[in-house]
């Protein structure tokens, strides 16, 4: 097997940094000269800018996307035994934050293709113990928030949007993180808006809820050493805020490039004859071994990841890596089958779309700096795999 001359990593942040190096260094120098590293004016400025970008009244910087979810659940006073309905096909933090407070994650299956929670299944999962719904805007495409909000209003439930992968995404003109009681974002370096370490943000349009998050992120004390509630150390560092302020100005352009890359992928796969011409046929076959992610025409997809489904996923993964093409499995085990949640009693086969997707999913490079030639190289490598098994 010949090696590719041009390695294509799953993500390459060096190119992004090269474009904004001087602005980043100026921002870092500004913080270092100030010697103000925890919260402070840099964080406050970023909070306002991010809230405005996300079309929200308030943004509260926190230490990570995981802590954003945790703080939001603490703010609604989630108690042991309270249930939160969420998707089984997601990163662990979604359900982990619920469980850490003694809550019970109630897992719902996903839609074929969009990878987001199947809203048709939510209402039947509501019980007298249900406290909230936590939809995940997975891989950069929003869940059907209009339907979720309608269900939540009728049952008097909180809605916490896990928007960790969806900065800048919208649906029907509504921006991710702006319509639920809370939006929770991550600035992990691999995100479309990534810091130089961990960081996160909670957005809301409710002053009282915003004030609760501010209190909880700083040990629950106000003033210092006078603790009103038991909070945590969920503060955002000033250095991260300074870096993110620089990057925020570029997010829309980077998102546009990701969207263009996705369209190139779609055209290349269409020409390759690897995908089904029938969008209503989610099952993979030998004649159509690849299924592309759905792009809801009502949505602005931010493409944090471009995740296909494929026959022989593990073999294709090894094939691409042997050709120095970066790829990753997001996520190999759905949450309802994770060992740590075995006490909840879920069984194999209970959430079939999540389970099938976990077995078939594969993320391809989608970052803004990819050239059309590099995208073609990825698709040609996949075509070769199925042409010469």
Protein backbone atom coordinates (compact mmCIF):
# COMPACT_ATOMS: atom_id res chain seq x y z
CA UNK A 1 0.00 0.00 0.00
CA UNK A 2 1.53 3.31 -1.08
CA UNK A 3 1.82 6.10 1.41
CA UNK A 4 0.25 9.46 0.63
CA UNK A 5 2.75 12.20 -0.04
CA UNK A 6 0.58 14.77 1.75
CA UNK A 7 -0.49 13.78 5.27
CA UNK A 8 -3.96 15.09 6.10
CA UNK A 9 -4.57 15.30 9.85
CA UNK A 10 -8.08 15.20 11.27
CA UNK A 11 -7.42 18.71 12.63
CA UNK A 12 -4.50 21.06 12.06
CA UNK A 13 -4.56 24.18 14.23
CA UNK A 14 -1.15 25.37 13.09
CA UNK A 15 -2.57 26.89 9.92
CA UNK A 16 -5.22 28.76 11.89
CA UNK A 17 -2.63 30.11 14.30
CA UNK A 18 -0.39 31.27 11.45
CA UNK A 19 -3.21 33.51 10.17
CA UNK A 20 -3.70 35.31 13.50
CA UNK A 21 -0.33 34.90 15.22
CA UNK A 22 0.35 38.60 15.76
CA UNK A 23 -3.13 39.34 17.10
CA UNK A 24 -2.86 36.42 19.51
CA UNK A 25 0.53 37.51 20.78
CA UNK A 26 -0.72 41.06 21.35
CA UNK A 27 -3.67 39.71 23.31
CA UNK A 28 -1.45 37.49 25.45
CA UNK A 29 0.95 40.36 26.11
CA UNK A 30 -1.99 42.51 27.17
CA UNK A 31 -3.01 39.98 29.82
CA UNK A 32 0.54 39.35 31.01
CA UNK A 33 1.20 43.08 31.36
CA UNK A 34 -2.02 43.49 33.34
CA UNK A 35 -1.17 40.56 35.64
CA UNK A 36 -4.91 39.98 35.99
CA UNK A 37 -5.39 36.28 35.23
CA UNK A 38 -8.69 35.21 36.84
CA UNK A 39 -11.97 36.76 35.63
CA UNK A 40 -11.65 40.54 35.38
CA UNK A 41 -12.08 42.96 32.46
CA UNK A 42 -10.82 40.59 29.73
CA UNK A 43 -13.37 37.96 30.70
CA UNK A 44 -16.15 40.54 31.06
CA UNK A 45 -15.45 41.90 27.58
CA UNK A 46 -15.48 38.43 26.06
CA UNK A 47 -18.71 37.53 27.84
CA UNK A 48 -20.46 40.53 26.29
CA UNK A 49 -19.04 39.85 22.84
CA UNK A 50 -19.96 36.16 22.94
CA UNK A 51 -23.46 36.87 24.23
CA UNK A 52 -23.99 39.33 21.41
CA UNK A 53 -22.71 36.83 18.84
CA UNK A 54 -25.00 34.15 20.25
CA UNK A 55 -27.95 36.58 20.32
CA UNK A 56 -28.36 36.23 24.07
CA UNK A 57 -28.71 38.77 26.85
CA UNK A 58 -26.06 37.23 29.09
CA UNK A 59 -22.88 35.19 28.78
CA UNK A 60 -21.04 33.81 31.80
CA UNK A 61 -17.54 32.47 31.20
CA UNK A 62 -16.71 29.19 32.91
CA UNK A 63 -13.82 26.75 33.05
CA UNK A 64 -15.01 24.18 30.47
CA UNK A 65 -17.99 22.98 28.51
CA UNK A 66 -18.47 20.22 31.08
CA UNK A 67 -18.58 22.77 33.89
CA UNK A 68 -21.03 24.85 31.85
CA UNK A 69 -23.44 21.89 31.88
CA UNK A 70 -22.77 21.21 35.55
CA UNK A 71 -23.33 24.84 36.58
CA UNK A 72 -26.56 25.03 34.57
CA UNK A 73 -27.90 21.91 36.29
CA UNK A 74 -26.86 23.31 39.68
CA UNK A 75 -28.66 26.55 38.84
CA UNK A 76 -31.97 24.73 38.25
CA UNK A 77 -31.33 22.93 41.56
CA UNK A 78 -31.23 19.42 40.14
CA UNK A 79 -31.68 17.00 43.03
CA UNK A 80 -30.84 13.30 43.41
CA UNK A 81 -33.55 11.32 41.64
CA UNK A 82 -34.52 14.11 39.27
CA UNK A 83 -34.59 13.00 35.64
CA UNK A 84 -33.13 14.80 32.65
CA UNK A 85 -34.03 13.65 29.15
CA UNK A 86 -31.12 13.67 26.71
CA UNK A 87 -29.58 11.93 23.73
CA UNK A 88 -27.65 8.69 24.09
CA UNK A 89 -25.33 9.47 21.17
CA UNK A 90 -23.09 12.23 22.53
CA UNK A 91 -19.88 12.95 24.39
CA UNK A 92 -19.88 11.65 27.95
CA UNK A 93 -20.07 15.10 29.60
CA UNK A 94 -23.72 15.45 28.58
CA UNK A 95 -24.87 12.62 30.84
CA UNK A 96 -21.93 12.78 33.22
CA UNK A 97 -22.93 16.22 34.49
CA UNK A 98 -26.43 14.92 35.27
CA UNK A 99 -25.12 11.89 37.13
CA UNK A 100 -22.57 13.88 39.15
CA UNK A 101 -25.44 15.70 40.87
CA UNK A 102 -27.34 12.49 41.55
CA UNK A 103 -29.72 13.07 38.67
CA UNK A 104 -30.87 10.31 36.34
CA UNK A 105 -30.13 10.65 32.63
CA UNK A 106 -33.06 9.37 30.59
CA UNK A 107 -31.74 8.42 27.18
CA UNK A 108 -33.70 8.95 23.98
CA UNK A 109 -32.72 7.67 20.54
CA UNK A 110 -31.48 9.91 17.73
CA UNK A 111 -32.68 10.68 14.22
CA UNK A 112 -31.05 8.92 11.31
CA UNK A 113 -28.57 11.22 9.63
CA UNK A 114 -28.82 14.36 11.78
CA UNK A 115 -27.40 12.56 14.87
CA UNK A 116 -29.64 14.76 17.05
CA UNK A 117 -32.31 13.69 19.52
CA UNK A 118 -35.48 12.31 17.95
CA UNK A 119 -38.06 14.79 19.22
CA UNK A 120 -40.89 12.33 18.52
CA UNK A 121 -39.62 10.18 21.39
CA UNK A 122 -39.24 12.83 24.07
CA UNK A 123 -42.78 13.18 25.37
CA UNK A 124 -43.23 9.47 26.07
CA UNK A 125 -40.11 9.61 28.27
CA UNK A 126 -41.46 12.31 30.58
CA UNK A 127 -42.42 11.22 34.11
CA UNK A 128 -43.29 12.95 37.35
CA UNK A 129 -39.57 13.08 38.13
CA UNK A 130 -38.53 14.84 34.92
CA UNK A 131 -36.85 18.19 35.61
CA UNK A 132 -35.33 19.16 32.28
CA UNK A 133 -34.61 18.31 28.67
CA UNK A 134 -30.99 18.56 27.53
CA UNK A 135 -30.80 18.43 23.70
CA UNK A 136 -27.36 18.13 22.12
CA UNK A 137 -26.61 20.10 18.94
CA UNK A 138 -24.23 17.41 17.77
CA UNK A 139 -21.38 18.00 15.32
CA UNK A 140 -22.58 21.58 14.65
CA UNK A 141 -26.22 21.14 13.66
CA UNK A 142 -29.04 22.23 15.93
CA UNK A 143 -31.70 19.91 17.23
CA UNK A 144 -35.34 20.81 16.50
CA UNK A 145 -35.62 23.40 19.24
CA UNK A 146 -39.09 24.61 18.26
CA UNK A 147 -40.51 21.16 18.98
CA UNK A 148 -38.42 20.69 22.13
CA UNK A 149 -39.46 24.06 23.55
CA UNK A 150 -43.11 23.30 22.86
CA UNK A 151 -42.87 20.03 24.79
CA UNK A 152 -41.01 21.73 27.64
CA UNK A 153 -43.60 24.51 27.98
CA UNK A 154 -46.48 22.05 28.10
CA UNK A 155 -44.78 20.03 30.84
CA UNK A 156 -43.13 22.93 32.72
CA UNK A 157 -39.58 21.67 32.16
CA UNK A 158 -36.25 23.44 31.91
CA UNK A 159 -34.33 23.26 28.63
CA UNK A 160 -30.53 23.23 28.72
CA UNK A 161 -28.92 23.28 25.27
CA UNK A 162 -25.67 21.35 25.01
CA UNK A 163 -24.21 23.58 22.31
CA UNK A 164 -20.60 22.58 22.92
CA UNK A 165 -20.08 21.80 19.21
CA UNK A 166 -22.49 24.34 17.75
CA UNK A 167 -21.19 27.87 18.12
CA UNK A 168 -22.71 29.96 15.34
CA UNK A 169 -25.19 27.29 14.28
CA UNK A 170 -28.80 28.30 13.90
CA UNK A 171 -32.16 26.87 12.91
CA UNK A 172 -34.94 28.94 11.42
CA UNK A 173 -32.92 32.03 12.31
CA UNK A 174 -32.58 31.08 15.99
CA UNK A 175 -28.97 30.84 17.16
CA UNK A 176 -27.72 27.85 19.15
CA UNK A 177 -27.80 28.51 22.88
CA UNK A 178 -30.32 31.34 22.69
CA UNK A 179 -33.74 29.71 23.04
CA UNK A 180 -33.48 27.37 26.02
CA UNK A 181 -33.14 28.43 29.64
CA UNK A 182 -29.39 27.92 29.20
CA UNK A 183 -26.95 27.35 26.38
CA UNK A 184 -23.71 25.56 27.27
CA UNK A 185 -20.61 25.98 25.10
CA UNK A 186 -17.12 24.52 25.07
CA UNK A 187 -13.91 26.24 23.97
CA UNK A 188 -11.83 23.07 23.96
CA UNK A 189 -9.05 23.62 21.37
CA UNK A 190 -10.68 21.38 18.74
CA UNK A 191 -13.93 23.35 18.72
CA UNK A 192 -14.76 25.85 15.98
CA UNK A 193 -13.97 28.53 18.55
CA UNK A 194 -11.16 26.91 20.52
CA UNK A 195 -8.95 28.34 23.24
CA UNK A 196 -5.41 27.54 24.27
CA UNK A 197 -6.73 25.13 26.88
CA UNK A 198 -10.08 24.46 28.52
CA UNK A 199 -12.87 27.02 28.70
CA UNK A 200 -16.62 27.31 28.39
CA UNK A 201 -19.61 29.65 28.44
CA UNK A 202 -23.16 29.60 29.73
CA UNK A 203 -25.66 31.79 27.89
CA UNK A 204 -29.15 32.79 28.99
CA UNK A 205 -31.76 35.47 28.52
CA UNK A 206 -32.87 35.35 32.16
CA UNK A 207 -31.17 37.78 34.57
CA UNK A 208 -31.95 35.66 37.64
CA UNK A 209 -30.49 32.52 36.07
CA UNK A 210 -27.42 34.44 34.86
CA UNK A 211 -26.84 35.71 38.37
CA UNK A 212 -27.07 32.16 39.73
CA UNK A 213 -24.37 30.98 37.32
CA UNK A 214 -22.10 33.87 38.33
CA UNK A 215 -22.56 32.94 41.96
CA UNK A 216 -22.03 29.21 41.42
CA UNK A 217 -18.87 29.59 39.30
CA UNK A 218 -17.03 31.32 42.14
CA UNK A 219 -17.62 29.02 45.12
CA UNK A 220 -21.05 30.50 45.80
CA UNK A 221 -19.62 33.38 47.79
CA UNK A 222 -20.81 36.97 47.60
CA UNK A 223 -19.02 38.92 48.91
CA UNK A 224 -15.77 36.98 49.13
CA UNK A 225 -15.67 34.46 51.97
CA UNK A 226 -19.42 34.81 52.61
CA UNK A 227 -20.91 31.75 50.95
CA UNK A 228 -24.58 31.92 50.02
CA UNK A 229 -24.61 28.49 48.30
CA UNK A 230 -22.21 25.63 47.66
CA UNK A 231 -20.68 26.43 44.29
CA UNK A 232 -17.47 25.45 42.57
CA UNK A 233 -14.36 26.82 40.94
CA UNK A 234 -15.76 27.20 37.44
CA UNK A 235 -14.01 30.46 36.50
CA UNK A 236 -12.71 31.32 33.05
CA UNK A 237 -9.08 32.43 32.86
CA UNK A 238 -8.30 35.86 31.42
CA UNK A 239 -5.71 34.40 29.04
CA UNK A 240 -8.33 32.12 27.51
CA UNK A 241 -10.76 35.02 27.20
CA UNK A 242 -8.14 37.15 25.43
CA UNK A 243 -7.35 34.39 22.92
CA UNK A 244 -11.04 33.71 22.31
CA UNK A 245 -11.79 37.40 21.75
CA UNK A 246 -9.32 37.38 18.86
CA UNK A 247 -10.72 34.18 17.39
CA UNK A 248 -14.35 35.19 17.75
CA UNK A 249 -13.90 37.77 15.00
CA UNK A 250 -12.95 34.98 12.58
CA UNK A 251 -15.56 32.35 13.50
CA UNK A 252 -18.02 33.20 10.74
CA UNK A 253 -15.32 33.05 8.07
CA UNK A 254 -14.00 29.76 9.42
CA UNK A 255 -17.54 28.36 9.54
CA UNK A 256 -18.10 29.42 5.94
CA UNK A 257 -14.98 27.51 4.90
CA UNK A 258 -16.15 24.43 6.79
CA UNK A 259 -19.50 24.64 5.02
CA UNK A 260 -17.75 24.95 1.66
CA UNK A 261 -15.63 21.90 2.49
CA UNK A 262 -18.77 19.97 3.36
CA UNK A 263 -20.31 20.84 0.00
CA UNK A 264 -17.15 19.70 -1.79
CA UNK A 265 -17.34 16.41 0.11
CA UNK A 266 -20.98 15.99 -0.90
CA UNK A 267 -20.21 16.61 -4.57
CA UNK A 268 -17.24 14.24 -4.52
CA UNK A 269 -19.18 11.46 -2.81
CA UNK A 270 -22.08 11.97 -5.22
CA UNK A 271 -19.69 11.51 -8.15
CA UNK A 272 -18.10 8.47 -6.52
CA UNK A 273 -21.33 6.40 -6.55
CA UNK A 274 -20.65 5.38 -2.95
CA UNK A 275 -23.85 6.87 -1.54
CA UNK A 276 -27.49 6.03 -2.02
CA UNK A 277 -29.55 8.28 -4.27
CA UNK A 278 -32.53 7.64 -2.02
CA UNK A 279 -32.36 9.94 1.05
CA UNK A 280 -35.11 7.90 2.75
CA UNK A 281 -32.90 4.78 2.79
CA UNK A 282 -30.71 5.02 5.92
CA UNK A 283 -29.46 1.44 5.69
CA UNK A 284 -26.04 0.92 4.17
CA UNK A 285 -25.59 -1.62 1.38
CA UNK A 286 -22.71 -2.98 -0.69
CA UNK A 287 -23.83 -0.68 -3.51
CA UNK A 288 -24.07 2.35 -1.22
CA UNK A 289 -21.58 1.75 1.60
CA UNK A 290 -21.46 5.41 2.69
CA UNK A 291 -24.16 7.64 4.20
CA UNK A 292 -23.54 11.36 4.52
CA UNK A 293 -24.76 13.50 7.42
CA UNK A 294 -28.06 15.24 6.84
CA UNK A 295 -28.02 18.99 6.35
CA UNK A 296 -31.38 20.40 7.46
CA UNK A 297 -32.39 23.10 4.95
CA UNK A 298 -33.81 25.08 7.89
CA UNK A 299 -30.42 25.09 9.62
CA UNK A 300 -27.03 26.73 9.43
CA UNK A 301 -24.72 23.77 10.05
CA UNK A 302 -21.42 24.79 11.69
CA UNK A 303 -19.68 21.46 10.87
CA UNK A 304 -17.60 21.03 13.97
CA UNK A 305 -17.26 17.53 12.57
CA UNK A 306 -18.17 15.87 9.26
CA UNK A 307 -19.30 12.40 10.30
CA UNK A 308 -20.24 9.75 7.76
CA UNK A 309 -21.64 6.29 8.33
CA UNK A 310 -19.94 3.44 6.53
CA UNK A 311 -19.76 -0.31 6.07
CA UNK A 312 -16.63 -1.87 7.53
CA UNK A 313 -15.93 1.19 9.64
CA UNK A 314 -12.95 -0.15 11.58
CA UNK A 315 -11.27 -1.45 8.43
CA UNK A 316 -11.83 1.84 6.63
CA UNK A 317 -10.39 3.71 9.62
CA UNK A 318 -7.23 1.59 9.49
CA UNK A 319 -7.01 2.06 5.72
CA UNK A 320 -7.19 5.85 5.98
CA UNK A 321 -4.71 6.05 8.83
CA UNK A 322 -2.27 3.90 6.88
CA UNK A 323 -2.49 6.57 4.17
CA UNK A 324 -1.77 9.32 6.72
CA UNK A 325 -5.35 10.58 6.59
CA UNK A 326 -6.63 11.53 10.02
CA UNK A 327 -9.97 10.15 11.16
CA UNK A 328 -11.73 9.42 14.43
CA UNK A 329 -14.74 7.58 15.80
CA UNK A 330 -17.26 9.86 17.51
CA UNK A 331 -18.57 7.91 19.50
CA UNK A 332 -17.94 4.14 19.63
CA UNK A 333 -20.27 3.34 22.57
CA UNK A 334 -23.60 5.12 23.05
CA UNK A 335 -24.14 6.46 26.55
CA UNK A 336 -26.93 4.06 27.50
CA UNK A 337 -24.49 1.15 27.05
CA UNK A 338 -21.59 2.67 28.97
CA UNK A 339 -20.49 0.58 31.95
CA UNK A 340 -20.94 3.43 34.41
CA UNK A 341 -24.65 3.64 33.53
CA UNK A 342 -25.33 -0.12 33.66
CA UNK A 343 -27.43 0.34 36.81
CA UNK A 344 -29.99 2.27 34.75
CA UNK A 345 -30.98 -1.00 33.09
CA UNK A 346 -30.69 -0.16 29.40
CA UNK A 347 -30.18 -3.14 27.10
CA UNK A 348 -28.56 -3.62 23.71
CA UNK A 349 -31.17 -3.03 21.02
CA UNK A 350 -33.18 -0.54 23.07
CA UNK A 351 -31.96 2.54 21.15
CA UNK A 352 -31.23 1.05 17.73
CA UNK A 353 -30.36 4.21 15.76
CA UNK A 354 -27.80 5.32 18.37
CA UNK A 355 -26.30 1.83 18.46
CA UNK A 356 -26.13 1.48 14.68
CA UNK A 357 -24.60 4.94 14.32
CA UNK A 358 -21.98 4.19 16.97
CA UNK A 359 -20.98 1.08 14.99
CA UNK A 360 -20.83 2.87 11.62
CA UNK A 361 -19.72 6.46 12.28
CA UNK A 362 -16.41 7.94 11.11
CA UNK A 363 -15.29 11.58 11.21
CA UNK A 364 -13.38 13.01 8.25
CA UNK A 365 -11.19 16.13 8.19
CA UNK A 366 -13.31 19.28 7.76
CA UNK A 367 -11.17 22.14 9.17
CA UNK A 368 -11.10 25.45 7.25
CA UNK A 369 -7.57 25.24 5.89
CA UNK A 370 -8.17 22.10 3.81
CA UNK A 371 -7.78 22.50 0.05
CA UNK A 372 -10.10 20.95 -2.51
CA UNK A 373 -7.21 18.69 -3.52
CA UNK A 374 -6.92 17.40 0.04
CA UNK A 375 -10.66 16.72 0.20
CA UNK A 376 -10.46 14.83 -3.09
CA UNK A 377 -7.56 12.82 -1.70
CA UNK A 378 -9.74 11.74 1.25
CA UNK A 379 -12.67 10.69 -0.95
CA UNK A 380 -10.43 8.90 -3.45
CA UNK A 381 -8.86 6.92 -0.62
CA UNK A 382 -12.33 5.86 0.54
CA UNK A 383 -13.35 4.97 -3.01
CA UNK A 384 -10.20 2.86 -3.40
CA UNK A 385 -11.04 1.01 -0.19
CA UNK A 386 -14.43 -0.10 -1.47
CA UNK A 387 -13.18 -0.75 -4.99
CA UNK A 388 -10.35 -2.99 -3.82
CA UNK A 389 -11.52 -4.69 -0.62
